[in-house]
N, C-alpha and C. Protein backbone atom coordinates (compact mmCIF):
# COMPACT_ATOMS: atom_id res chain seq x y z
N MET A 1 29.95 -0.02 -1.71
CA MET A 1 29.03 0.60 -3.07
C MET A 1 29.11 -0.60 -3.97
N ARG A 2 27.98 -0.24 -4.93
CA ARG A 2 27.73 -1.04 -5.77
C ARG A 2 27.85 -0.20 -7.30
N TYR A 3 28.61 -1.13 -8.15
CA TYR A 3 28.68 -0.40 -9.51
C TYR A 3 28.22 -1.27 -10.38
N ARG A 4 27.72 -0.68 -11.42
CA ARG A 4 27.57 -1.38 -12.88
C ARG A 4 28.36 -1.16 -14.05
N ASN A 5 28.65 -1.94 -14.84
CA ASN A 5 29.53 -1.82 -16.03
C ASN A 5 28.44 -1.63 -17.04
N ILE A 6 28.39 -0.27 -17.77
CA ILE A 6 27.40 0.14 -18.61
C ILE A 6 27.47 -0.91 -19.91
N LYS A 7 28.69 -1.25 -20.36
CA LYS A 7 29.03 -2.14 -21.51
C LYS A 7 28.66 -3.46 -21.21
N THR A 8 28.81 -4.12 -20.30
CA THR A 8 28.72 -5.44 -19.90
C THR A 8 27.64 -5.87 -19.08
N GLY A 9 27.15 -4.89 -18.25
CA GLY A 9 25.98 -5.01 -17.31
C GLY A 9 26.25 -5.69 -15.96
N ALA A 10 27.55 -5.98 -16.05
CA ALA A 10 28.17 -6.54 -14.67
C ALA A 10 27.70 -5.77 -13.59
N VAL A 11 27.55 -6.20 -12.72
CA VAL A 11 27.10 -5.42 -11.38
C VAL A 11 28.43 -5.90 -9.96
N ILE A 12 29.20 -5.17 -9.36
CA ILE A 12 30.07 -5.54 -8.48
C ILE A 12 29.93 -4.57 -7.26
N ASP A 13 30.09 -5.21 -6.01
CA ASP A 13 30.63 -4.45 -4.90
C ASP A 13 31.74 -4.07 -4.78
N SER A 14 32.23 -2.87 -4.15
CA SER A 14 33.65 -2.54 -3.82
C SER A 14 33.38 -1.40 -2.98
N PRO A 15 34.46 -1.60 -2.11
CA PRO A 15 34.65 -0.53 -0.84
C PRO A 15 35.20 0.58 -1.19
N CYS A 16 35.96 0.66 -2.22
CA CYS A 16 36.36 1.56 -2.91
C CYS A 16 35.73 2.50 -4.16
N PRO A 17 35.80 3.78 -4.38
CA PRO A 17 35.06 4.09 -5.55
C PRO A 17 35.54 3.84 -6.68
N ILE A 18 35.27 3.50 -7.98
CA ILE A 18 35.63 3.19 -9.12
C ILE A 18 35.14 4.21 -10.26
N SER A 19 36.14 4.33 -10.83
CA SER A 19 35.85 5.11 -11.84
C SER A 19 36.13 4.76 -13.36
N GLY A 20 35.92 5.58 -14.19
CA GLY A 20 36.10 4.85 -15.65
C GLY A 20 34.98 5.11 -16.57
N GLU A 21 34.92 5.15 -17.62
CA GLU A 21 33.79 5.61 -18.55
C GLU A 21 32.67 4.48 -18.67
N PHE A 22 33.06 3.23 -18.06
CA PHE A 22 31.92 2.31 -18.36
C PHE A 22 31.13 2.02 -16.90
N TRP A 23 31.74 2.70 -15.81
CA TRP A 23 31.31 2.54 -14.77
C TRP A 23 30.26 3.29 -13.99
N THR A 24 29.36 3.04 -13.61
CA THR A 24 28.24 3.92 -13.05
C THR A 24 27.77 3.38 -11.69
N LEU A 25 27.30 3.99 -10.74
CA LEU A 25 26.64 3.78 -9.35
C LEU A 25 25.43 3.02 -9.85
N TYR A 26 25.46 1.87 -9.18
CA TYR A 26 24.29 0.97 -9.41
C TYR A 26 23.13 1.28 -8.34
N ARG A 27 21.87 1.15 -8.72
CA ARG A 27 20.80 1.38 -7.84
C ARG A 27 19.77 0.09 -8.17
N GLU A 28 19.34 -0.36 -6.86
CA GLU A 28 18.52 -1.53 -7.19
C GLU A 28 17.08 -1.00 -7.94
N PRO A 29 16.55 -1.80 -8.79
CA PRO A 29 15.32 -1.52 -9.45
C PRO A 29 14.22 -1.15 -8.48
N ALA A 30 13.34 -0.27 -8.60
CA ALA A 30 12.20 -0.06 -7.64
C ALA A 30 11.21 -1.62 -7.63
N THR A 31 10.86 -1.76 -6.59
CA THR A 31 9.83 -2.88 -6.77
C THR A 31 8.55 -2.40 -7.08
N GLU A 32 7.59 -3.27 -7.22
CA GLU A 32 6.37 -2.99 -7.69
C GLU A 32 5.53 -2.17 -6.66
N ALA A 33 5.57 -2.87 -5.45
CA ALA A 33 4.98 -1.87 -4.17
C ALA A 33 5.42 -0.18 -4.20
N GLN A 34 6.47 -0.17 -4.61
CA GLN A 34 7.25 1.15 -4.59
C GLN A 34 6.78 2.07 -5.66
N GLU A 35 6.54 1.30 -6.93
CA GLU A 35 5.91 2.30 -8.08
C GLU A 35 4.57 2.16 -8.06
N ALA A 36 3.74 1.44 -7.50
CA ALA A 36 2.10 1.08 -7.66
C ALA A 36 1.63 2.58 -6.82
N PRO A 37 1.10 3.43 -7.65
CA PRO A 37 0.39 4.60 -6.88
C PRO A 37 -1.05 4.32 -6.10
N LYS A 38 -1.37 4.80 -5.49
CA LYS A 38 -2.75 4.54 -4.40
C LYS A 38 -3.76 4.76 -5.56
N PRO A 39 -4.58 3.91 -5.58
CA PRO A 39 -5.72 4.06 -6.74
C PRO A 39 -6.29 5.72 -6.36
N VAL A 40 -6.84 6.07 -7.30
CA VAL A 40 -7.40 7.57 -7.29
C VAL A 40 -8.56 7.50 -6.33
N ASP A 41 -9.28 6.59 -6.39
CA ASP A 41 -10.70 6.57 -5.67
C ASP A 41 -10.54 5.93 -4.27
N THR A 42 -9.32 5.73 -3.56
CA THR A 42 -9.35 5.43 -2.51
C THR A 42 -9.03 6.44 -1.44
N VAL A 43 -9.39 6.42 -0.39
CA VAL A 43 -9.45 7.37 0.85
C VAL A 43 -8.77 6.61 2.04
N ASP A 44 -8.04 7.49 2.84
CA ASP A 44 -7.48 7.17 4.09
C ASP A 44 -8.13 7.18 5.53
N THR A 45 -9.43 7.89 5.46
CA THR A 45 -9.87 8.15 6.62
C THR A 45 -11.62 7.70 6.34
N VAL A 46 -12.31 7.41 7.61
CA VAL A 46 -13.62 7.31 7.49
C VAL A 46 -14.32 8.90 6.88
N GLU A 47 -13.87 9.81 7.33
CA GLU A 47 -14.45 11.12 6.81
C GLU A 47 -14.51 11.41 5.52
N GLU A 48 -13.33 10.93 4.96
CA GLU A 48 -13.18 11.09 3.37
C GLU A 48 -14.27 10.06 2.72
N ALA A 49 -14.34 9.02 3.11
CA ALA A 49 -15.23 7.91 2.75
C ALA A 49 -16.77 8.28 2.88
N ARG A 50 -17.19 9.36 3.74
CA ARG A 50 -18.54 9.51 4.00
C ARG A 50 -18.97 10.60 2.80
N GLY A 51 -20.09 10.30 2.48
CA GLY A 51 -20.97 10.98 1.19
C GLY A 51 -21.54 12.04 1.81
N ASP A 52 -22.09 12.95 1.01
CA ASP A 52 -22.93 14.07 1.45
C ASP A 52 -24.20 13.61 2.39
N ASP A 53 -24.69 12.42 2.00
CA ASP A 53 -25.81 12.07 2.89
C ASP A 53 -25.42 11.32 4.19
N GLY A 54 -24.11 11.45 4.25
CA GLY A 54 -23.70 10.76 5.66
C GLY A 54 -23.37 9.39 5.54
N VAL A 55 -23.43 8.66 4.50
CA VAL A 55 -22.98 6.99 4.34
C VAL A 55 -21.78 6.97 3.95
N VAL A 56 -21.00 5.88 4.59
CA VAL A 56 -19.81 5.67 4.46
C VAL A 56 -19.79 4.62 3.65
N THR A 57 -18.93 4.76 2.38
CA THR A 57 -18.47 4.03 1.35
C THR A 57 -17.40 3.39 1.44
N LEU A 58 -17.44 1.80 2.09
CA LEU A 58 -16.36 0.91 2.57
C LEU A 58 -15.36 0.70 1.44
N SER A 59 -15.91 0.56 0.06
CA SER A 59 -15.09 0.20 -1.01
C SER A 59 -14.12 1.41 -1.26
N LYS A 60 -14.50 2.57 -1.01
CA LYS A 60 -13.42 3.59 -1.15
C LYS A 60 -12.39 3.69 -0.09
N MET A 61 -12.48 2.97 0.94
CA MET A 61 -11.32 3.07 2.02
C MET A 61 -10.34 2.08 1.67
N THR A 62 -8.87 2.46 2.29
CA THR A 62 -7.90 1.69 2.04
C THR A 62 -7.95 0.57 3.07
N VAL A 63 -7.36 -0.42 3.08
CA VAL A 63 -7.11 -1.55 4.15
C VAL A 63 -6.84 -1.05 5.50
N ALA A 64 -5.89 0.04 5.53
CA ALA A 64 -5.53 0.67 6.79
C ALA A 64 -6.77 1.35 7.62
N ALA A 65 -7.60 2.13 6.39
CA ALA A 65 -8.53 2.90 7.11
C ALA A 65 -9.87 1.88 7.25
N LEU A 66 -10.07 0.63 6.71
CA LEU A 66 -10.84 -0.29 7.07
C LEU A 66 -10.70 -0.96 8.48
N LYS A 67 -9.38 -1.20 8.56
CA LYS A 67 -8.79 -1.78 9.79
C LYS A 67 -9.14 -0.70 11.08
N ALA A 68 -9.08 0.61 10.74
CA ALA A 68 -9.28 1.43 11.96
C ALA A 68 -10.73 1.76 12.16
N PHE A 69 -11.56 1.60 10.96
CA PHE A 69 -12.93 1.69 11.12
C PHE A 69 -13.50 0.48 11.91
N ALA A 70 -13.03 -0.51 11.53
CA ALA A 70 -13.49 -1.88 12.29
C ALA A 70 -13.11 -1.89 13.84
N ALA A 71 -11.86 -1.35 14.03
CA ALA A 71 -11.40 -1.11 15.35
C ALA A 71 -12.40 -0.03 16.38
N ASP A 72 -12.75 1.00 15.66
CA ASP A 72 -13.36 1.98 16.20
C ASP A 72 -14.97 1.60 16.52
N CYS A 73 -15.36 0.64 15.48
CA CYS A 73 -16.67 0.13 15.67
C CYS A 73 -16.86 -1.05 16.68
N GLY A 74 -15.68 -1.83 17.26
CA GLY A 74 -15.47 -2.80 17.89
C GLY A 74 -15.79 -4.26 17.21
N ILE A 75 -15.41 -4.21 16.02
CA ILE A 75 -15.26 -5.40 14.94
C ILE A 75 -14.21 -6.25 15.13
N ASP A 76 -14.17 -7.39 15.57
CA ASP A 76 -13.04 -8.20 15.33
C ASP A 76 -12.88 -8.67 14.13
N LEU A 77 -11.92 -8.48 13.47
CA LEU A 77 -11.54 -8.90 11.92
C LEU A 77 -10.83 -10.47 11.83
N GLY A 78 -10.60 -10.93 13.23
CA GLY A 78 -9.81 -12.01 13.33
C GLY A 78 -8.74 -12.46 12.17
N GLY A 79 -7.90 -11.35 12.33
CA GLY A 79 -6.68 -11.65 11.38
C GLY A 79 -6.86 -11.43 9.77
N THR A 80 -7.96 -11.21 9.39
CA THR A 80 -8.41 -10.71 8.17
C THR A 80 -7.54 -9.60 7.37
N ASN A 81 -6.85 -9.83 6.45
CA ASN A 81 -6.08 -8.71 5.75
C ASN A 81 -6.41 -8.21 4.37
N LYS A 82 -7.20 -8.94 3.79
CA LYS A 82 -7.68 -8.85 2.24
C LYS A 82 -8.84 -7.57 2.26
N LYS A 83 -8.82 -6.81 1.83
CA LYS A 83 -9.69 -5.64 1.39
C LYS A 83 -11.21 -6.16 1.42
N ALA A 84 -11.52 -7.00 0.51
CA ALA A 84 -12.65 -7.54 0.15
C ALA A 84 -13.19 -8.49 1.47
N ASP A 85 -12.37 -9.08 2.39
CA ASP A 85 -12.78 -9.74 3.31
C ASP A 85 -13.03 -9.28 4.58
N ILE A 86 -12.25 -8.07 4.61
CA ILE A 86 -12.39 -7.15 5.56
C ILE A 86 -13.90 -6.41 5.52
N ILE A 87 -14.44 -6.02 4.26
CA ILE A 87 -15.42 -5.29 4.12
C ILE A 87 -16.69 -6.47 4.61
N GLU A 88 -16.42 -7.45 3.95
CA GLU A 88 -17.47 -8.67 4.18
C GLU A 88 -17.77 -8.71 5.62
N VAL A 89 -16.65 -8.84 6.60
CA VAL A 89 -16.81 -8.93 8.23
C VAL A 89 -17.54 -7.93 8.66
N ILE A 90 -17.05 -6.57 8.11
CA ILE A 90 -17.85 -5.17 8.36
C ILE A 90 -19.24 -5.21 8.19
N MET A 91 -19.51 -5.74 6.84
CA MET A 91 -20.94 -5.90 6.68
C MET A 91 -21.83 -6.86 7.51
N ALA A 92 -21.21 -7.92 7.68
CA ALA A 92 -21.69 -9.02 8.38
C ALA A 92 -21.83 -8.59 9.96
N SER A 93 -21.15 -7.76 10.38
CA SER A 93 -21.28 -7.37 11.77
C SER A 93 -22.53 -6.87 12.05
N ASP A 94 -23.13 -6.81 13.51
CA ASP A 94 -24.06 -6.12 13.81
C ASP A 94 -23.75 -4.60 14.41
N ALA A 95 -22.56 -4.35 14.31
CA ALA A 95 -21.98 -3.10 15.00
C ALA A 95 -22.24 -1.71 13.78
N VAL A 96 -22.55 -1.93 12.60
CA VAL A 96 -22.99 -1.22 11.44
C VAL A 96 -24.43 -1.51 10.81
N GLU A 97 -24.98 -0.10 10.40
CA GLU A 97 -26.22 -0.53 9.69
C GLU A 97 -25.82 -0.21 8.29
N VAL A 98 -26.28 -1.21 7.60
CA VAL A 98 -26.19 -1.55 6.13
C VAL A 98 -27.21 -0.96 5.23
N GLU A 99 -26.90 -0.24 4.27
CA GLU A 99 -27.99 0.12 3.32
C GLU A 99 -27.73 -0.77 2.20
């Protein structure tokens, strides 16, 4: 178990419980990835990105949704992982109609 001294800030590992007024259990600070919420305007499926007119707005989709969409359309992303690059590959393909 990991403990932090609230007076000195020291952090120690101990196999035994530690008690005392200045010792508390230490939890690792959350990483940025854990804290960052998903942007409000992003969606996880093609159906959610489809407007009333039936047009799919790629920029609203998450990277995972874009990859799934590309796979369903038979588009090879070639190892592309960035959202903007994935959208560019999809738009350049002949598998989808671009408006």
